[in-house]
């Protein structure tokens, strides 16, 4: 039930290009190729056109 409440908020934050943990703009985060590492240590993948997604375990 808790996930049903949180998932839409996290999806909205990612669509805005922000981290789901701290809300930092991911365009300002540290980059390593197409990997983006936020200041709260969450890892994202830049898919181009300002779209981000959480990195899978294999991509970390």
N, C-alpha and C. Protein backbone atom coordinates (compact mmCIF):
# COMPACT_ATOMS: atom_id res chain seq x y z
N UNK A 1 0.82 -1.19 0.00
CA UNK A 1 0.00 0.00 0.00
C UNK A 1 0.87 1.26 0.00
N UNK A 2 1.95 1.24 0.78
CA UNK A 2 2.83 2.40 0.86
C UNK A 2 3.45 2.71 -0.50
N UNK A 3 3.83 1.66 -1.23
CA UNK A 3 4.43 1.85 -2.55
C UNK A 3 3.44 2.50 -3.51
N UNK A 4 2.17 2.19 -3.37
CA UNK A 4 1.14 2.78 -4.24
C UNK A 4 1.03 4.28 -4.03
N UNK A 5 1.41 4.77 -2.86
CA UNK A 5 1.37 6.20 -2.59
C UNK A 5 2.64 6.91 -3.06
N UNK A 6 3.77 6.24 -2.94
CA UNK A 6 5.06 6.86 -3.24
C UNK A 6 5.41 6.82 -4.72
N UNK A 7 5.07 5.74 -5.41
CA UNK A 7 5.47 5.56 -6.81
C UNK A 7 5.04 6.71 -7.73
N UNK A 8 3.82 7.23 -7.64
CA UNK A 8 3.47 8.36 -8.52
C UNK A 8 4.27 9.63 -8.24
N UNK A 9 4.62 9.86 -7.00
CA UNK A 9 5.42 11.03 -6.65
C UNK A 9 6.83 10.88 -7.21
N UNK A 10 7.40 9.69 -7.08
CA UNK A 10 8.74 9.45 -7.63
C UNK A 10 8.73 9.57 -9.15
N UNK A 11 7.71 9.06 -9.80
CA UNK A 11 7.61 9.17 -11.26
C UNK A 11 7.51 10.62 -11.69
N UNK A 12 6.77 11.42 -10.94
CA UNK A 12 6.63 12.83 -11.26
C UNK A 12 7.96 13.55 -11.10
N UNK A 13 8.70 13.26 -10.01
CA UNK A 13 10.00 13.89 -9.80
C UNK A 13 10.97 13.54 -10.93
N UNK A 14 11.00 12.27 -11.34
CA UNK A 14 11.88 11.87 -12.45
C UNK A 14 11.48 12.55 -13.76
N UNK A 15 10.19 12.72 -13.98
CA UNK A 15 9.75 13.39 -15.21
C UNK A 15 10.16 14.86 -15.20
N UNK A 16 10.34 15.44 -14.02
CA UNK A 16 10.81 16.81 -13.89
C UNK A 16 12.34 16.90 -13.92
N UNK A 17 13.02 15.74 -13.95
CA UNK A 17 14.48 15.72 -13.99
C UNK A 17 15.10 15.93 -12.62
N UNK A 18 14.40 15.49 -11.56
CA UNK A 18 14.89 15.67 -10.19
C UNK A 18 15.10 14.33 -9.52
N UNK A 19 15.98 14.31 -8.54
CA UNK A 19 16.26 13.10 -7.77
C UNK A 19 15.06 12.75 -6.91
N UNK A 20 14.75 11.46 -6.80
CA UNK A 20 13.60 11.04 -5.99
C UNK A 20 13.92 11.05 -4.50
N UNK A 21 15.19 11.14 -4.14
CA UNK A 21 15.57 11.13 -2.73
C UNK A 21 15.68 12.52 -2.12
N UNK A 22 16.38 13.41 -2.83
CA UNK A 22 16.65 14.73 -2.25
C UNK A 22 16.06 15.88 -3.06
N UNK A 23 15.59 15.63 -4.27
CA UNK A 23 14.96 16.67 -5.08
C UNK A 23 15.93 17.52 -5.87
N UNK A 24 17.21 17.18 -5.86
CA UNK A 24 18.20 17.96 -6.61
C UNK A 24 17.99 17.79 -8.11
N UNK A 25 18.23 18.84 -8.86
CA UNK A 25 18.12 18.78 -10.31
C UNK A 25 19.25 17.90 -10.83
N UNK A 26 18.90 16.86 -11.57
CA UNK A 26 19.90 15.87 -12.02
C UNK A 26 20.83 16.43 -13.09
N UNK A 27 20.45 17.50 -13.74
CA UNK A 27 21.34 18.11 -14.74
C UNK A 27 22.57 18.70 -14.07
N UNK A 28 22.49 19.00 -12.77
CA UNK A 28 23.61 19.57 -12.03
C UNK A 28 24.42 18.52 -11.28
N UNK A 29 24.01 17.27 -11.36
CA UNK A 29 24.69 16.20 -10.62
C UNK A 29 25.96 15.77 -11.35
N UNK A 30 26.81 15.02 -10.63
CA UNK A 30 28.08 14.54 -11.18
C UNK A 30 27.82 13.47 -12.23
N UNK A 31 28.50 13.56 -13.37
CA UNK A 31 28.30 12.63 -14.48
C UNK A 31 29.52 11.76 -14.70
N UNK A 32 29.24 10.54 -15.15
CA UNK A 32 30.29 9.60 -15.54
C UNK A 32 29.78 8.89 -16.78
N UNK A 33 30.00 9.48 -17.93
CA UNK A 33 29.43 8.95 -19.17
C UNK A 33 27.94 9.27 -19.18
N UNK A 34 27.11 8.24 -19.30
CA UNK A 34 25.67 8.47 -19.25
C UNK A 34 25.11 8.20 -17.85
N UNK A 35 26.00 7.82 -16.92
CA UNK A 35 25.60 7.64 -15.51
C UNK A 35 25.60 8.99 -14.81
N UNK A 36 24.62 9.19 -13.95
CA UNK A 36 24.53 10.41 -13.17
C UNK A 36 24.44 10.00 -11.70
N UNK A 37 25.32 10.56 -10.86
CA UNK A 37 25.33 10.24 -9.44
C UNK A 37 24.95 11.49 -8.66
N UNK A 38 23.85 11.40 -7.94
CA UNK A 38 23.34 12.52 -7.16
C UNK A 38 24.16 12.67 -5.88
N UNK A 39 23.99 13.81 -5.19
CA UNK A 39 24.72 14.03 -3.94
C UNK A 39 24.27 13.10 -2.83
N UNK A 40 23.08 12.51 -2.96
CA UNK A 40 22.60 11.55 -1.97
C UNK A 40 22.96 10.11 -2.36
N UNK A 41 23.85 9.97 -3.36
CA UNK A 41 24.44 8.71 -3.80
C UNK A 41 23.50 7.81 -4.61
N UNK A 42 22.36 8.31 -5.03
CA UNK A 42 21.51 7.52 -5.91
C UNK A 42 22.08 7.62 -7.33
N UNK A 43 22.00 6.53 -8.07
CA UNK A 43 22.58 6.48 -9.42
C UNK A 43 21.44 6.44 -10.44
N UNK A 44 21.56 7.28 -11.43
CA UNK A 44 20.57 7.38 -12.51
C UNK A 44 21.27 7.17 -13.85
N UNK A 45 20.48 6.94 -14.88
CA UNK A 45 20.98 6.83 -16.25
C UNK A 45 20.31 7.92 -17.07
N UNK A 46 21.12 8.70 -17.77
CA UNK A 46 20.60 9.74 -18.65
C UNK A 46 20.23 9.10 -19.98
N UNK A 47 18.96 9.13 -20.31
CA UNK A 47 18.49 8.52 -21.55
C UNK A 47 18.38 9.52 -22.68
N UNK A 48 18.84 10.73 -22.47
CA UNK A 48 18.79 11.76 -23.50
C UNK A 48 17.51 12.57 -23.41
N UNK A 49 17.53 13.75 -24.02
CA UNK A 49 16.39 14.65 -24.04
C UNK A 49 15.90 15.02 -22.64
N UNK A 50 16.79 15.03 -21.66
CA UNK A 50 16.40 15.40 -20.30
C UNK A 50 15.65 14.33 -19.55
N UNK A 51 15.65 13.11 -20.05
CA UNK A 51 14.94 11.99 -19.39
C UNK A 51 15.94 11.17 -18.58
N UNK A 52 15.56 10.84 -17.37
CA UNK A 52 16.40 10.05 -16.48
C UNK A 52 15.61 8.86 -15.97
N UNK A 53 16.34 7.82 -15.56
CA UNK A 53 15.72 6.68 -14.90
C UNK A 53 16.70 6.15 -13.88
N UNK A 54 16.20 5.45 -12.88
CA UNK A 54 17.07 4.85 -11.88
C UNK A 54 17.90 3.76 -12.54
N UNK A 55 19.15 3.67 -12.16
CA UNK A 55 20.04 2.66 -12.72
C UNK A 55 19.71 1.29 -12.17
N UNK A 56 19.78 0.29 -13.03
CA UNK A 56 19.59 -1.09 -12.58
C UNK A 56 20.83 -1.55 -11.88
N UNK A 57 20.73 -2.64 -11.14
CA UNK A 57 21.84 -3.15 -10.35
C UNK A 57 23.05 -3.46 -11.22
N UNK A 58 22.83 -3.94 -12.44
CA UNK A 58 23.93 -4.26 -13.34
C UNK A 58 24.64 -3.00 -13.83
N UNK A 59 23.96 -1.88 -13.84
CA UNK A 59 24.51 -0.63 -14.38
C UNK A 59 25.30 0.16 -13.33
N UNK A 60 25.15 -0.21 -12.09
CA UNK A 60 25.84 0.51 -11.02
C UNK A 60 27.23 0.01 -11.00
